Amino acid sequence: MSGWPILSLMTFLPAAGALLILAARWSSSGQHAGHDTGVKWIAFIVTLATLALNLVALSQFDAHQPGFQLVERVPWGAGLEYHMGVDQMSMALLLLTNFLMPLCILASWSIEKQVSAYMMLFLALQTLMQGVFAAMDIVLFYVFFEGGLIPMFILIGVWGGKNRVYAAFKFFLYTLIGSVLMLVALILMAIMAKTTSIPEITAFAQQGRSTPGCRMRT
């Protein structure tokens, strides 16, 4: 475990950037080209800083060591906790996400419609996506996962193509059905394993597979 919460810093830095854009929007007398350009630069710099933090996390990560690393764990009470960490797969997904985000900002540089809202939603989405990949608690994972659907729905519905409204509601419908089924599965796993910790649930499942009584043999 590192001496400082690197995962939390890189996860919530984009959200802080979104709040900075919101503050800049409130302090601005109105929407104008200079303000919109400044907002784009804020979003771009924040995504670059997040990528830099991700590279720092990578330097502290031992790819040859199995299991989760850079673990952060803070109990909340009532069996809930803030539990973050990364393994080889989640670190790769975080790197991919944070590498693509600055490129996405650059690709969106021509956006002229509600630039502040667009960039805030994009940065919020980056925070929520990172949370999905780094969460080690199924409640925390579900909150990040469901939260990420909100900015995606708005981005599609407002800044999408010709059939953006239809696409947004179709996206909402499919994800709603999948989310309900996933919630049921997560609740069942938590009840059976008597924990919401993803590593402990994984260990419980592996123990069940290795128990002789669980095998079908003649």
C-alpha atoms as a PDB file:
ATOM      1  CA  MET A   1       0.000   0.000   0.000  1.00  0.00           C
ATOM      2  CA  SER A   2       1.397   3.459  -0.887  1.00  0.00           C
ATOM      3  CA  GLY A   3       1.754   6.192   1.715  1.00  0.00           C
ATOM      4  CA  TRP A   4      -0.913   8.347   0.070  1.00  0.00           C
ATOM      5  CA  PRO A   5      -4.265   7.490  -1.514  1.00  0.00           C
ATOM      6  CA  ILE A   6      -3.128   7.555  -5.135  1.00  0.00           C
ATOM      7  CA  LEU A   7      -6.209   5.698  -6.396  1.00  0.00           C
ATOM      8  CA  SER A   8      -8.605   8.116  -4.727  1.00  0.00           C
ATOM      9  CA  LEU A   9      -6.639  11.106  -5.994  1.00  0.00           C
ATOM     10  CA  MET A  10      -6.692   9.951  -9.602  1.00  0.00           C
ATOM     11  CA  THR A  11     -10.313   8.808  -9.364  1.00  0.00           C
ATOM     12  CA  PHE A  12     -11.736  12.037  -7.975  1.00  0.00           C
ATOM     13  CA  LEU A  13      -9.439  14.554  -9.674  1.00  0.00           C
ATOM     14  CA  PRO A  14     -11.739  14.720 -12.744  1.00  0.00           C
ATOM     15  CA  ALA A  15     -14.718  15.354 -10.450  1.00  0.00           C
ATOM     16  CA  ALA A  16     -12.773  18.213  -8.857  1.00  0.00           C
ATOM     17  CA  GLY A  17     -12.100  19.514 -12.360  1.00  0.00           C
ATOM     18  CA  ALA A  18     -15.826  19.408 -13.097  1.00  0.00           C
ATOM     19  CA  LEU A  19     -16.481  21.476  -9.964  1.00  0.00           C
ATOM     20  CA  LEU A  20     -13.802  23.945 -11.072  1.00  0.00           C
ATOM     21  CA  ILE A  21     -15.555  24.346 -14.419  1.00  0.00           C
ATOM     22  CA  LEU A  22     -18.856  24.839 -12.597  1.00  0.00           C
ATOM     23  CA  ALA A  23     -17.288  27.562 -10.441  1.00  0.00           C
ATOM     24  CA  ALA A  24     -15.821  29.212 -13.534  1.00  0.00           C
ATOM     25  CA  ARG A  25     -19.223  29.116 -15.190  1.00  0.00           C
ATOM     26  CA  TRP A  26     -20.885  30.787 -12.207  1.00  0.00           C
ATOM     27  CA  SER A  27     -18.215  33.471 -12.007  1.00  0.00           C
ATOM     28  CA  SER A  28     -18.421  34.217 -15.733  1.00  0.00           C
ATOM     29  CA  SER A  29     -20.757  36.991 -16.822  1.00  0.00           C
ATOM     30  CA  GLY A  30     -21.934  34.928 -19.789  1.00  0.00           C
ATOM     31  CA  GLN A  31     -21.039  32.348 -22.384  1.00  0.00           C
ATOM     32  CA  HIS A  32     -18.445  33.555 -24.892  1.00  0.00           C
ATOM     33  CA  ALA A  33     -15.718  32.067 -27.049  1.00  0.00           C
ATOM     34  CA  GLY A  34     -12.927  32.871 -24.587  1.00  0.00           C
ATOM     35  CA  HIS A  35     -14.787  31.248 -21.710  1.00  0.00           C
ATOM     36  CA  ASP A  36     -15.533  28.109 -23.726  1.00  0.00           C
ATOM     37  CA  THR A  37     -11.893  27.787 -24.769  1.00  0.00           C
ATOM     38  CA  GLY A  38     -10.806  28.157 -21.152  1.00  0.00           C
ATOM     39  CA  VAL A  39     -13.226  25.419 -20.107  1.00  0.00           C
ATOM     40  CA  LYS A  40     -11.817  23.095 -22.761  1.00  0.00           C
ATOM     41  CA  TRP A  41      -8.285  23.756 -21.546  1.00  0.00           C
ATOM     42  CA  ILE A  42      -9.292  23.052 -17.939  1.00  0.00           C
ATOM     43  CA  ALA A  43     -10.812  19.717 -18.962  1.00  0.00           C
ATOM     44  CA  PHE A  44      -7.785  18.815 -21.071  1.00  0.00           C
ATOM     45  CA  ILE A  45      -5.274  19.682 -18.336  1.00  0.00           C
ATOM     46  CA  VAL A  46      -7.284  17.765 -15.731  1.00  0.00           C
ATOM     47  CA  THR A  47      -7.352  14.642 -17.911  1.00  0.00           C
ATOM     48  CA  LEU A  48      -3.588  14.942 -18.484  1.00  0.00           C
ATOM     49  CA  ALA A  49      -3.010  15.326 -14.731  1.00  0.00           C
ATOM     50  CA  THR A  50      -5.152  12.250 -14.110  1.00  0.00           C
ATOM     51  CA  LEU A  51      -3.087  10.292 -16.618  1.00  0.00           C
ATOM     52  CA  ALA A  52       0.078  11.478 -14.856  1.00  0.00           C
ATOM     53  CA  LEU A  53      -1.273  10.217 -11.521  1.00  0.00           C
ATOM     54  CA  ASN A  54      -2.129   6.929 -13.197  1.00  0.00           C
ATOM     55  CA  LEU A  55       1.483   6.615 -14.361  1.00  0.00           C
ATOM     56  CA  VAL A  56       2.641   7.286 -10.790  1.00  0.00           C
ATOM     57  CA  ALA A  57       0.305   4.522  -9.608  1.00  0.00           C
ATOM     58  CA  LEU A  58       1.726   2.249 -12.293  1.00  0.00           C
ATOM     59  CA  SER A  59       5.253   2.922 -11.024  1.00  0.00           C
ATOM     60  CA  GLN A  60       4.148   1.696  -7.580  1.00  0.00           C
ATOM     61  CA  PHE A  61       2.423  -1.367  -9.017  1.00  0.00           C
ATOM     62  CA  ASP A  62       4.205  -4.728  -9.180  1.00  0.00           C
ATOM     63  CA  ALA A  63       2.834  -6.605 -12.182  1.00  0.00           C
ATOM     64  CA  HIS A  64       4.444  -9.837 -10.972  1.00  0.00           C
ATOM     65  CA  GLN A  65       2.640  -9.765  -7.635  1.00  0.00           C
ATOM     66  CA  PRO A  66      -0.769 -11.504  -7.622  1.00  0.00           C
ATOM     67  CA  GLY A  67      -3.806 -10.018  -5.965  1.00  0.00           C
ATOM     68  CA  PHE A  68      -4.850  -6.434  -5.344  1.00  0.00           C
ATOM     69  CA  GLN A  69      -2.402  -3.616  -4.707  1.00  0.00           C
ATOM     70  CA  LEU A  70      -2.540   0.079  -3.736  1.00  0.00           C
ATOM     71  CA  VAL A  71      -5.447  -0.878  -1.497  1.00  0.00           C
ATOM     72  CA  GLU A  72      -7.433   1.825   0.298  1.00  0.00           C
ATOM     73  CA  ARG A  73     -10.002   0.712   2.848  1.00  0.00           C
ATOM     74  CA  VAL A  74     -12.165   2.926   5.065  1.00  0.00           C
ATOM     75  CA  PRO A  75     -15.149   1.423   6.970  1.00  0.00           C
ATOM     76  CA  TRP A  76     -18.369   3.418   6.756  1.00  0.00           C
ATOM     77  CA  GLY A  77     -20.444   1.397   9.180  1.00  0.00           C
ATOM     78  CA  ALA A  78     -23.471  -0.861   8.723  1.00  0.00           C
ATOM     79  CA  GLY A  79     -21.231  -3.330   6.881  1.00  0.00           C
ATOM     80  CA  LEU A  80     -20.389  -0.797   4.170  1.00  0.00           C
ATOM     81  CA  GLU A  81     -16.918   0.467   3.356  1.00  0.00           C
ATOM     82  CA  TYR A  82     -14.906   2.521   0.914  1.00  0.00           C
ATOM     83  CA  HIS A  83     -12.627  -0.156  -0.545  1.00  0.00           C
ATOM     84  CA  MET A  84     -10.426   0.519  -3.573  1.00  0.00           C
ATOM     85  CA  GLY A  85      -7.557  -1.401  -5.153  1.00  0.00           C
ATOM     86  CA  VAL A  86      -6.181  -2.643  -8.458  1.00  0.00           C
ATOM     87  CA  ASP A  87      -4.916  -5.872  -9.971  1.00  0.00           C
ATOM     88  CA  GLN A  88      -3.304  -6.392 -13.382  1.00  0.00           C
ATOM     89  CA  MET A  89      -6.592  -6.241 -15.283  1.00  0.00           C
ATOM     90  CA  SER A  90      -8.025  -3.183 -13.540  1.00  0.00           C
ATOM     91  CA  MET A  91      -4.723  -1.305 -13.824  1.00  0.00           C
ATOM     92  CA  ALA A  92      -4.720  -1.959 -17.574  1.00  0.00           C
ATOM     93  CA  LEU A  93      -8.305  -0.696 -17.863  1.00  0.00           C
ATOM     94  CA  LEU A  94      -7.496   2.423 -15.839  1.00  0.00           C
ATOM     95  CA  LEU A  95      -4.521   3.173 -18.065  1.00  0.00           C
ATOM     96  CA  LEU A  96      -6.630   2.702 -21.185  1.00  0.00           C
ATOM     97  CA  THR A  97      -9.367   4.976 -19.825  1.00  0.00           C
ATOM     98  CA  ASN A  98      -7.028   7.744 -18.733  1.00  0.00           C
ATOM     99  CA  PHE A  99      -4.997   7.565 -21.949  1.00  0.00           C
ATOM    100  CA  LEU A 100      -8.113   7.929 -24.092  1.00  0.00           C
ATOM    101  CA  MET A 101      -9.741  10.758 -22.117  1.00  0.00           C
ATOM    102  CA  PRO A 102      -7.349  13.559 -23.203  1.00  0.00           C
ATOM    103  CA  LEU A 103      -7.734  12.348 -26.782  1.00  0.00           C
ATOM    104  CA  CYS A 104     -11.520  12.471 -26.407  1.00  0.00           C
ATOM    105  CA  ILE A 105     -11.301  16.056 -25.146  1.00  0.00           C
ATOM    106  CA  LEU A 106      -9.190  17.006 -28.159  1.00  0.00           C
ATOM    107  CA  ALA A 107     -11.632  15.229 -30.481  1.00  0.00           C
ATOM    108  CA  SER A 108     -14.456  17.262 -28.898  1.00  0.00           C
ATOM    109  CA  TRP A 109     -12.660  20.595 -29.257  1.00  0.00           C
ATOM    110  CA  SER A 110     -15.076  21.714 -31.981  1.00  0.00           C
ATOM    111  CA  ILE A 111     -18.066  21.397 -29.628  1.00  0.00           C
ATOM    112  CA  GLU A 112     -19.836  24.763 -29.360  1.00  0.00           C
ATOM    113  CA  LYS A 113     -23.130  23.793 -27.715  1.00  0.00           C
ATOM    114  CA  GLN A 114     -23.153  24.103 -23.894  1.00  0.00           C
ATOM    115  CA  VAL A 115     -19.408  23.530 -23.638  1.00  0.00           C
ATOM    116  CA  SER A 116     -19.240  23.809 -19.840  1.00  0.00           C
ATOM    117  CA  ALA A 117     -21.949  21.195 -19.324  1.00  0.00           C
ATOM    118  CA  TYR A 118     -20.336  18.872 -21.865  1.00  0.00           C
ATOM    119  CA  MET A 119     -16.909  19.020 -20.233  1.00  0.00           C
ATOM    120  CA  MET A 120     -18.335  18.653 -16.721  1.00  0.00           C
ATOM    121  CA  LEU A 121     -20.240  15.545 -17.760  1.00  0.00           C
ATOM    122  CA  PHE A 122     -17.161  14.135 -19.470  1.00  0.00           C
ATOM    123  CA  LEU A 123     -15.008  14.633 -16.371  1.00  0.00           C
ATOM    124  CA  ALA A 124     -17.726  13.186 -14.137  1.00  0.00           C
ATOM    125  CA  LEU A 125     -17.855  10.160 -16.426  1.00  0.00           C
ATOM    126  CA  GLN A 126     -14.087   9.735 -16.097  1.00  0.00           C
ATOM    127  CA  THR A 127     -14.356   9.680 -12.301  1.00  0.00           C
ATOM    128  CA  LEU A 128     -17.164   7.136 -12.367  1.00  0.00           C
ATOM    129  CA  MET A 129     -15.428   4.880 -14.895  1.00  0.00           C
ATOM    130  CA  GLN A 130     -12.282   4.812 -12.785  1.00  0.00           C
ATOM    131  CA  GLY A 131     -14.379   3.996  -9.738  1.00  0.00           C
ATOM    132  CA  VAL A 132     -15.887   1.011 -11.543  1.00  0.00           C
ATOM    133  CA  PHE A 133     -12.441  -0.407 -12.330  1.00  0.00           C
ATOM    134  CA  ALA A 134     -10.912   0.266  -8.890  1.00  0.00           C
ATOM    135  CA  ALA A 135     -13.831  -0.605  -6.582  1.00  0.00           C
ATOM    136  CA  MET A 136     -13.268  -3.634  -4.350  1.00  0.00           C
ATOM    137  CA  ASP A 137     -16.719  -3.541  -2.766  1.00  0.00           C
ATOM    138  CA  ILE A 138     -19.830  -4.517  -4.709  1.00  0.00           C
ATOM    139  CA  VAL A 139     -21.910  -1.671  -3.247  1.00  0.00           C
ATOM    140  CA  LEU A 140     -19.261   0.860  -4.234  1.00  0.00           C
ATOM    141  CA  PHE A 141     -18.929  -0.801  -7.633  1.00  0.00           C
ATOM    142  CA  TYR A 142     -22.676  -0.617  -8.231  1.00  0.00           C
ATOM    143  CA  VAL A 143     -22.830   3.058  -7.223  1.00  0.00           C
ATOM    144  CA  PHE A 144     -20.008   3.942  -9.617  1.00  0.00           C
ATOM    145  CA  PHE A 145     -21.483   1.790 -12.397  1.00  0.00           C
ATOM    146  CA  GLU A 146     -24.987   3.210 -12.135  1.00  0.00           C
ATOM    147  CA  GLY A 147     -23.670   6.731 -11.685  1.00  0.00           C
ATOM    148  CA  GLY A 148     -21.711   6.415 -14.920  1.00  0.00           C
ATOM    149  CA  LEU A 149     -24.899   5.761 -16.865  1.00  0.00           C
ATOM    150  CA  ILE A 150     -26.250   9.240 -16.059  1.00  0.00           C
ATOM    151  CA  PRO A 151     -23.606  11.355 -17.846  1.00  0.00           C
ATOM    152  CA  MET A 152     -23.549   8.835 -20.699  1.00  0.00           C
ATOM    153  CA  PHE A 153     -27.320   9.163 -21.137  1.00  0.00           C
ATOM    154  CA  ILE A 154     -27.129  12.973 -21.149  1.00  0.00           C
ATOM    155  CA  LEU A 155     -24.122  13.094 -23.476  1.00  0.00           C
ATOM    156  CA  ILE A 156     -25.880  10.848 -25.981  1.00  0.00           C
ATOM    157  CA  GLY A 157     -29.212  12.661 -25.700  1.00  0.00           C
ATOM    158  CA  VAL A 158     -27.877  16.224 -25.986  1.00  0.00           C
ATOM    159  CA  TRP A 159     -24.710  16.001 -28.063  1.00  0.00           C
ATOM    160  CA  GLY A 160     -25.389  12.850 -30.062  1.00  0.00           C
ATOM    161  CA  GLY A 161     -26.187  12.472 -33.732  1.00  0.00           C
ATOM    162  CA  LYS A 162     -29.397  12.793 -35.693  1.00  0.00           C
ATOM    163  CA  ASN A 163     -31.336  10.142 -33.732  1.00  0.00           C
ATOM    164  CA  ARG A 164     -29.762  11.040 -30.383  1.00  0.00           C
ATOM    165  CA  VAL A 165     -33.000  11.108 -28.369  1.00  0.00           C
ATOM    166  CA  TYR A 166     -34.033   7.665 -29.612  1.00  0.00           C
ATOM    167  CA  ALA A 167     -30.519   6.348 -29.010  1.00  0.00           C
ATOM    168  CA  ALA A 168     -30.433   7.813 -25.496  1.00  0.00           C
ATOM    169  CA  PHE A 169     -33.715   6.209 -24.432  1.00  0.00           C
ATOM    170  CA  LYS A 170     -32.764   2.910 -26.045  1.00  0.00           C
ATOM    171  CA  PHE A 171     -29.492   3.043 -24.113  1.00  0.00           C
ATOM    172  CA  PHE A 172     -31.427   3.835 -20.917  1.00  0.00           C
ATOM    173  CA  LEU A 173     -33.874   0.968 -21.429  1.00  0.00           C
ATOM    174  CA  TYR A 174     -31.228  -1.679 -22.075  1.00  0.00           C
ATOM    175  CA  THR A 175     -28.989  -0.540 -19.231  1.00  0.00           C
ATOM    176  CA  LEU A 176     -31.947  -0.363 -16.835  1.00  0.00           C
ATOM    177  CA  ILE A 177     -32.859  -3.989 -17.490  1.00  0.00           C
ATOM    178  CA  GLY A 178     -29.248  -5.086 -17.146  1.00  0.00           C
ATOM    179  CA  SER A 179     -28.766  -3.014 -13.998  1.00  0.00           C
ATOM    180  CA  VAL A 180     -31.768  -4.560 -12.259  1.00  0.00           C
ATOM    181  CA  LEU A 181     -30.561  -8.076 -13.058  1.00  0.00           C
ATOM    182  CA  MET A 182     -27.052  -7.202 -11.899  1.00  0.00           C
ATOM    183  CA  LEU A 183     -28.398  -5.739  -8.654  1.00  0.00           C
ATOM    184  CA  VAL A 184     -30.259  -8.967  -7.922  1.00  0.00           C
ATOM    185  CA  ALA A 185     -27.101 -10.982  -8.607  1.00  0.00           C
ATOM    186  CA  LEU A 186     -24.987  -8.730  -6.365  1.00  0.00           C
ATOM    187  CA  ILE A 187     -27.501  -8.980  -3.520  1.00  0.00           C
ATOM    188  CA  LEU A 188     -27.531 -12.778  -3.786  1.00  0.00           C
ATOM    189  CA  MET A 189     -23.724 -12.894  -3.772  1.00  0.00           C
ATOM    190  CA  ALA A 190     -23.555 -10.638  -0.713  1.00  0.00           C
ATOM    191  CA  ILE A 191     -26.108 -12.776   1.145  1.00  0.00           C
ATOM    192  CA  MET A 192     -24.368 -16.048   0.318  1.00  0.00           C
ATOM    193  CA  ALA A 193     -20.847 -14.807   1.091  1.00  0.00           C
ATOM    194  CA  LYS A 194     -21.991 -12.627   4.027  1.00  0.00           C
ATOM    195  CA  THR A 195     -19.801  -9.785   2.761  1.00  0.00           C
ATOM    196  CA  THR A 196     -19.732  -7.076   0.121  1.00  0.00           C
ATOM    197  CA  SER A 197     -15.960  -7.294  -0.376  1.00  0.00           C
ATOM    198  CA  ILE A 198     -15.148  -8.440  -3.915  1.00  0.00           C
ATOM    199  CA  PRO A 199     -11.951 -10.343  -2.931  1.00  0.00           C
ATOM    200  CA  GLU A 200     -13.815 -12.125  -0.126  1.00  0.00           C
ATOM    201  CA  ILE A 201     -16.720 -12.995  -2.425  1.00  0.00           C
ATOM    202  CA  THR A 202     -14.214 -14.345  -4.961  1.00  0.00           C
ATOM    203  CA  ALA A 203     -12.522 -16.440  -2.267  1.00  0.00           C
ATOM    204  CA  PHE A 204     -15.920 -17.736  -1.148  1.00  0.00           C
ATOM    205  CA  ALA A 205     -16.797 -18.773  -4.714  1.00  0.00           C
ATOM    206  CA  GLN A 206     -13.448 -20.494  -5.194  1.00  0.00           C
ATOM    207  CA  GLN A 207     -13.858 -22.315  -1.901  1.00  0.00           C
ATOM    208  CA  GLY A 208     -17.277 -23.527  -3.012  1.00  0.00           C
ATOM    209  CA  ARG A 209     -15.856 -24.900  -6.267  1.00  0.00           C
ATOM    210  CA  SER A 210     -13.073 -26.713  -4.436  1.00  0.00           C
ATOM    211  CA  THR A 211     -15.374 -28.323  -1.855  1.00  0.00           C
ATOM    212  CA  PRO A 212     -15.800 -32.071  -2.635  1.00  0.00           C
ATOM    213  CA  GLY A 213     -19.480 -31.933  -1.769  1.00  0.00           C
ATOM    214  CA  CYS A 214     -20.035 -29.396  -4.540  1.00  0.00           C
ATOM    215  CA  ARG A 215     -18.690 -31.679  -7.261  1.00  0.00           C
ATOM    216  CA  MET A 216     -20.898 -33.988  -9.245  1.00  0.00           C
ATOM    217  CA  ARG A 217     -19.060 -37.318  -9.280  1.00  0.00           C
ATOM    218  CA  THR A 218     -20.131 -40.928  -9.370  1.00  0.00           C
END
